[in-house]
C-alpha atoms as a PDB file:
ATOM      1  CA  MET A   1       1.119  17.152   8.684  1.00  0.00           C
ATOM      2  CA  LYS A   2      -1.781  15.657   6.649  1.00  0.00           C
ATOM      3  CA  ASN A   3      -3.145  12.377   7.813  1.00  0.00           C
ATOM      4  CA  LEU A   4      -2.224   9.163   6.154  1.00  0.00           C
ATOM      5  CA  LEU A   5      -5.619   8.724   4.399  1.00  0.00           C
ATOM      6  CA  GLU A   6      -5.307  12.284   2.791  1.00  0.00           C
ATOM      7  CA  LYS A   7      -1.764  11.431   1.656  1.00  0.00           C
ATOM      8  CA  LEU A   8      -2.864   8.246   0.043  1.00  0.00           C
ATOM      9  CA  GLN A   9      -5.731  10.038  -1.674  1.00  0.00           C
ATOM     10  CA  GLN A  10      -3.318  12.598  -3.031  1.00  0.00           C
ATOM     11  CA  TRP A  11      -1.091   9.851  -4.369  1.00  0.00           C
ATOM     12  CA  TYR A  12      -3.945   8.322  -6.199  1.00  0.00           C
ATOM     13  CA  VAL A  13      -5.185  11.662  -7.533  1.00  0.00           C
ATOM     14  CA  ALA A  14      -1.839  12.510  -8.747  1.00  0.00           C
ATOM     15  CA  HIS A  15      -1.909   9.485 -10.990  1.00  0.00           C
ATOM     16  CA  CYS A  16      -5.426   9.907 -12.376  1.00  0.00           C
ATOM     17  CA  ASP A  17      -4.931  11.206 -15.814  1.00  0.00           C
ATOM     18  CA  GLY A  18      -7.931  10.086 -17.624  1.00  0.00           C
ATOM     19  CA  GLU A  19      -6.345   6.611 -18.485  1.00  0.00           C
ATOM     20  CA  TRP A  20      -4.372   5.304 -15.549  1.00  0.00           C
ATOM     21  CA  GLU A  21      -7.399   4.965 -13.291  1.00  0.00           C
ATOM     22  CA  HIS A  22      -9.298   2.889 -15.816  1.00  0.00           C
ATOM     23  CA  GLN A  23      -6.747   0.032 -15.454  1.00  0.00           C
ATOM     24  CA  PHE A  24      -5.034   0.573 -12.216  1.00  0.00           C
ATOM     25  CA  GLY A  25      -5.622   1.884  -8.763  1.00  0.00           C
ATOM     26  CA  ILE A  26      -5.428   1.105  -5.043  1.00  0.00           C
ATOM     27  CA  LYS A  27      -7.486  -1.598  -3.139  1.00  0.00           C
ATOM     28  CA  ILE A  28      -7.988  -1.750   0.542  1.00  0.00           C
ATOM     29  CA  THR A  29      -9.712  -4.967   1.768  1.00  0.00           C
ATOM     30  CA  THR A  30     -10.018  -7.165   4.743  1.00  0.00           C
ATOM     31  CA  LEU A  31      -8.317 -10.571   5.281  1.00  0.00           C
ATOM     32  CA  ASP A  32     -10.039 -13.587   6.855  1.00  0.00           C
ATOM     33  CA  ASN A  33      -7.411 -14.249   9.445  1.00  0.00           C
ATOM     34  CA  PRO A  34      -8.549 -11.428  10.247  1.00  0.00           C
ATOM     35  CA  GLY A  35      -6.565  -8.299   9.055  1.00  0.00           C
ATOM     36  CA  TRP A  36      -6.022  -5.780   6.274  1.00  0.00           C
ATOM     37  CA  SER A  37      -4.671  -5.713   2.684  1.00  0.00           C
ATOM     38  CA  LEU A  38      -3.463  -2.917   0.619  1.00  0.00           C
ATOM     39  CA  VAL A  39      -2.649  -3.397  -2.965  1.00  0.00           C
ATOM     40  CA  ALA A  40      -1.416  -0.526  -5.132  1.00  0.00           C
ATOM     41  CA  ASP A  41      -0.796  -0.775  -8.803  1.00  0.00           C
ATOM     42  CA  LEU A  42       2.603   0.691  -9.930  1.00  0.00           C
ATOM     43  CA  PRO A  43       2.471   0.744 -13.665  1.00  0.00           C
ATOM     44  CA  GLY A  44       2.782   4.239 -15.171  1.00  0.00           C
ATOM     45  CA  THR A  45       3.848   5.662 -11.689  1.00  0.00           C
ATOM     46  CA  GLU A  46       7.259   6.848 -10.440  1.00  0.00           C
ATOM     47  CA  LEU A  47       7.324   3.752  -8.270  1.00  0.00           C
ATOM     48  CA  GLU A  48       7.287   1.305 -11.099  1.00  0.00           C
ATOM     49  CA  GLY A  49      10.802  -0.488 -11.063  1.00  0.00           C
ATOM     50  CA  ARG A  50      11.757   1.279  -7.922  1.00  0.00           C
ATOM     51  CA  ARG A  51      13.503  -1.086  -5.390  1.00  0.00           C
ATOM     52  CA  PHE A  52      11.568  -1.874  -2.269  1.00  0.00           C
ATOM     53  CA  GLU A  53      13.138  -3.842   0.636  1.00  0.00           C
ATOM     54  CA  GLN A  54      10.447  -6.266   1.858  1.00  0.00           C
ATOM     55  CA  VAL A  55       9.175  -5.513   5.405  1.00  0.00           C
ATOM     56  CA  GLU A  56       8.235  -8.263   7.740  1.00  0.00           C
ATOM     57  CA  ILE A  57       7.187  -7.282  11.473  1.00  0.00           C
ATOM     58  CA  SER A  58       5.714  -9.789  13.716  1.00  0.00           C
ATOM     59  CA  ARG A  59       4.910  -8.529  17.205  1.00  0.00           C
ATOM     60  CA  SER A  60       1.886 -11.019  17.868  1.00  0.00           C
ATOM     61  CA  ASP A  61      -0.569 -13.048  16.055  1.00  0.00           C
ATOM     62  CA  GLN A  62      -2.654  -9.944  15.667  1.00  0.00           C
ATOM     63  CA  ASP A  63       0.010  -7.249  15.528  1.00  0.00           C
ATOM     64  CA  TRP A  64       2.057  -7.801  12.251  1.00  0.00           C
ATOM     65  CA  ILE A  65       2.710  -6.431   8.919  1.00  0.00           C
ATOM     66  CA  VAL A  66       4.295  -7.829   5.627  1.00  0.00           C
ATOM     67  CA  CYS A  67       4.855  -5.419   2.772  1.00  0.00           C
ATOM     68  CA  ARG A  68       6.485  -6.281  -0.482  1.00  0.00           C
ATOM     69  CA  VAL A  69       6.514  -5.600  -4.261  1.00  0.00           C
ATOM     70  CA  GLU A  70       5.233  -8.363  -6.434  1.00  0.00           C
ATOM     71  CA  GLY A  71       5.280  -7.957 -10.096  1.00  0.00           C
ATOM     72  CA  ARG A  72       4.035  -4.432 -10.653  1.00  0.00           C
ATOM     73  CA  GLN A  73       2.196  -4.046  -7.452  1.00  0.00           C
ATOM     74  CA  PHE A  74       2.830  -2.945  -3.847  1.00  0.00           C
ATOM     75  CA  ARG A  75       1.258  -5.492  -1.563  1.00  0.00           C
ATOM     76  CA  GLY A  76       0.842  -4.833   2.157  1.00  0.00           C
ATOM     77  CA  PHE A  77      -0.836  -7.107   4.722  1.00  0.00           C
ATOM     78  CA  GLY A  78      -1.321  -6.727   8.350  1.00  0.00           C
ATOM     79  CA  GLY A  79      -3.219  -7.404  11.556  1.00  0.00           C
ATOM     80  CA  LEU A  80      -6.623  -5.932  12.783  1.00  0.00           C
ATOM     81  CA  ASN A  81      -5.009  -2.715  13.986  1.00  0.00           C
ATOM     82  CA  ASN A  82      -2.184  -2.361  11.494  1.00  0.00           C
ATOM     83  CA  LEU A  83      -3.883  -0.668   8.477  1.00  0.00           C
ATOM     84  CA  GLU A  84      -2.336   2.690   9.146  1.00  0.00           C
ATOM     85  CA  GLU A  85       1.063   1.101   9.486  1.00  0.00           C
ATOM     86  CA  ILE A  86       0.604  -0.546   5.974  1.00  0.00           C
ATOM     87  CA  ILE A  87      -0.377   2.709   4.367  1.00  0.00           C
ATOM     88  CA  GLU A  88       2.465   4.663   6.138  1.00  0.00           C
ATOM     89  CA  THR A  89       4.933   1.916   4.821  1.00  0.00           C
ATOM     90  CA  PHE A  90       3.706   2.648   1.356  1.00  0.00           C
ATOM     91  CA  LEU A  91       3.764   6.350   1.536  1.00  0.00           C
ATOM     92  CA  THR A  92       7.118   6.469   3.081  1.00  0.00           C
ATOM     93  CA  TRP A  93       8.494   4.383   0.120  1.00  0.00           C
ATOM     94  CA  ALA A  94       6.477   6.510  -2.334  1.00  0.00           C
ATOM     95  CA  ASP A  95       8.129   9.780  -0.930  1.00  0.00           C
END
């Protein structure tokens, strides 16, 4: 099984068509509380308009994730060690 980063890269590459990537993409950044953020643009993808059930998991102040679709974006946030879980949540939905 390919690792999550490889799968995320493949999802991005599959949508790069010479135009999509000029307006849309994926952003992974850090949060100041501290933690992680992943934002994936959905326009022009098979995920645009697909139903997503919001995920909220709070194990502790540093072990948590919140993932939802807002407008035309998947938005995932989580604690310091939860980036892989956020990516996995996105990719599971994308499959």
